[in-house]
């Protein structure tokens, strides 16, 4: 997948905001891959920026958390994870949704197909993501 430098930055900022440093590498790349899987899906906008700006989809875009999670310096791991997903890596296995099951239990997830969990077992509350796709 090709991306402009500004789209790459948006993708890296999503990884930064959604994945603290302790999230496993595979989880960081998977979060970026979910954004790209949405871009490829007919159910979502067809650009990284369009997907990123959808209302209530990414915690780091939530008005309450944006200043803390989205803006500021982007760590190297976020740039690398965004580039890895753009190069075709997809540990989410085609997922178009994710969330941390230790922080939220969204009702909408019941309508989706569970794909996999990625996380650090000793730091579940801050490092785990469950990945889902449309049935």
Protein backbone atom coordinates (compact mmCIF):
# COMPACT_ATOMS: atom_id res chain seq x y z
CA UNK A 1 0.00 0.00 0.00
CA UNK A 2 1.27 3.44 -0.88
CA UNK A 3 0.91 6.39 1.46
CA UNK A 4 1.95 10.01 1.36
CA UNK A 5 4.28 11.25 4.08
CA UNK A 6 1.34 12.94 5.82
CA UNK A 7 -0.68 9.67 5.72
CA UNK A 8 2.32 7.79 7.11
CA UNK A 9 2.45 10.33 9.93
CA UNK A 10 -1.26 9.85 10.72
CA UNK A 11 -0.77 6.08 10.79
CA UNK A 12 2.30 6.39 13.05
CA UNK A 13 0.37 8.73 15.36
CA UNK A 14 -2.43 6.18 15.65
CA UNK A 15 0.11 3.50 16.62
CA UNK A 16 1.65 5.93 19.13
CA UNK A 17 -1.72 6.78 20.65
CA UNK A 18 -3.17 3.27 20.71
CA UNK A 19 -0.03 1.33 21.67
CA UNK A 20 2.11 2.19 24.69
CA UNK A 21 5.75 1.14 24.33
CA UNK A 22 5.11 -2.15 26.21
CA UNK A 23 2.66 -3.42 23.56
CA UNK A 24 4.34 -6.28 21.68
CA UNK A 25 5.75 -5.41 18.25
CA UNK A 26 3.18 -7.67 16.61
CA UNK A 27 0.37 -5.71 18.31
CA UNK A 28 1.74 -2.37 17.12
CA UNK A 29 1.91 -3.55 13.50
CA UNK A 30 -1.56 -5.13 13.83
CA UNK A 31 -3.10 -1.81 14.95
CA UNK A 32 -1.62 -0.08 11.88
CA UNK A 33 -2.79 -2.96 9.70
CA UNK A 34 -6.38 -2.56 10.95
CA UNK A 35 -6.36 1.03 9.66
CA UNK A 36 -5.12 -0.18 6.27
CA UNK A 37 -7.64 -3.04 6.21
CA UNK A 38 -10.36 -0.45 6.71
CA UNK A 39 -9.00 1.64 3.84
CA UNK A 40 -9.30 -1.44 1.59
CA UNK A 41 -12.83 -2.25 2.80
CA UNK A 42 -15.95 -0.80 1.17
CA UNK A 43 -17.43 -0.27 4.66
CA UNK A 44 -15.00 2.52 5.57
CA UNK A 45 -13.50 5.64 3.97
CA UNK A 46 -10.88 4.88 1.32
CA UNK A 47 -7.97 6.84 2.83
CA UNK A 48 -5.87 6.64 5.98
CA UNK A 49 -6.92 10.15 6.95
CA UNK A 50 -10.60 9.34 6.28
CA UNK A 51 -10.47 6.20 8.42
CA UNK A 52 -8.58 7.99 11.18
CA UNK A 53 -11.11 10.78 11.39
CA UNK A 54 -14.20 8.59 11.73
CA UNK A 55 -16.06 9.50 14.89
CA UNK A 56 -15.43 7.37 18.00
CA UNK A 57 -13.13 4.86 16.31
CA UNK A 58 -9.69 5.48 17.83
CA UNK A 59 -9.08 6.46 21.45
CA UNK A 60 -6.22 8.73 20.44
CA UNK A 61 -8.62 10.78 18.26
CA UNK A 62 -11.15 11.16 21.06
CA UNK A 63 -11.28 14.84 21.96
CA UNK A 64 -10.63 14.06 25.66
CA UNK A 65 -7.39 12.20 24.94
CA UNK A 66 -6.11 13.67 21.69
CA UNK A 67 -3.68 16.16 23.22
CA UNK A 68 -2.04 13.48 25.35
CA UNK A 69 -2.19 10.46 23.04
CA UNK A 70 -2.05 11.76 19.49
CA UNK A 71 0.06 14.90 19.38
CA UNK A 72 3.70 15.29 20.35
CA UNK A 73 6.82 13.39 19.35
CA UNK A 74 6.21 10.11 17.54
CA UNK A 75 8.40 7.31 18.92
CA UNK A 76 10.55 5.34 16.51
CA UNK A 77 8.54 2.14 17.13
CA UNK A 78 5.37 3.84 15.83
CA UNK A 79 7.08 4.91 12.59
CA UNK A 80 8.50 1.40 12.11
CA UNK A 81 5.16 -0.30 12.81
CA UNK A 82 3.34 1.99 10.37
CA UNK A 83 5.95 1.27 7.68
CA UNK A 84 5.78 -2.49 8.35
CA UNK A 85 2.00 -2.47 7.88
CA UNK A 86 2.33 -0.39 4.72
CA UNK A 87 4.85 -2.96 3.46
CA UNK A 88 2.20 -5.67 3.83
CA UNK A 89 2.66 -7.13 7.31
CA UNK A 90 -0.70 -7.90 8.93
CA UNK A 91 -0.59 -9.73 12.27
CA UNK A 92 -4.30 -8.84 12.65
CA UNK A 93 -5.05 -11.35 9.86
CA UNK A 94 -7.41 -9.01 8.00
CA UNK A 95 -9.16 -7.54 11.03
CA UNK A 96 -11.00 -4.23 10.77
CA UNK A 97 -11.64 -3.69 14.50
CA UNK A 98 -9.71 -3.97 17.74
CA UNK A 99 -9.99 -2.97 21.38
CA UNK A 100 -8.40 -3.70 24.74
CA UNK A 101 -10.66 -6.29 26.43
CA UNK A 102 -9.27 -5.40 29.85
CA UNK A 103 -10.41 -1.78 29.49
CA UNK A 104 -13.67 -2.00 27.51
CA UNK A 105 -16.35 -4.51 26.57
CA UNK A 106 -18.15 -2.97 23.59
CA UNK A 107 -21.54 -4.38 22.67
CA UNK A 108 -20.77 -3.99 18.95
CA UNK A 109 -18.06 -6.67 19.22
CA UNK A 110 -20.74 -9.37 19.67
CA UNK A 111 -21.72 -8.88 16.01
CA UNK A 112 -18.16 -9.45 14.79
CA UNK A 113 -15.92 -12.49 14.36
CA UNK A 114 -13.05 -12.78 16.84
CA UNK A 115 -9.72 -13.24 15.05
CA UNK A 116 -7.02 -13.17 17.71
CA UNK A 117 -5.58 -11.60 20.86
CA UNK A 118 -2.15 -9.97 20.96
CA UNK A 119 -0.70 -8.77 24.23
CA UNK A 120 1.84 -9.04 26.98
CA UNK A 121 0.38 -11.46 29.55
CA UNK A 122 2.03 -9.73 32.50
CA UNK A 123 0.75 -6.26 31.52
CA UNK A 124 -2.72 -7.11 30.19
CA UNK A 125 -4.44 -3.82 31.05
CA UNK A 126 -2.05 -1.71 29.00
CA UNK A 127 -0.78 -4.00 26.25
CA UNK A 128 -3.58 -6.25 25.02
CA UNK A 129 -5.71 -5.89 21.91
CA UNK A 130 -8.38 -8.25 20.64
CA UNK A 131 -8.85 -8.17 16.86
CA UNK A 132 -12.14 -8.70 15.02
CA UNK A 133 -13.57 -8.59 11.52
CA UNK A 134 -17.03 -8.54 9.94
CA UNK A 135 -18.57 -12.03 9.72
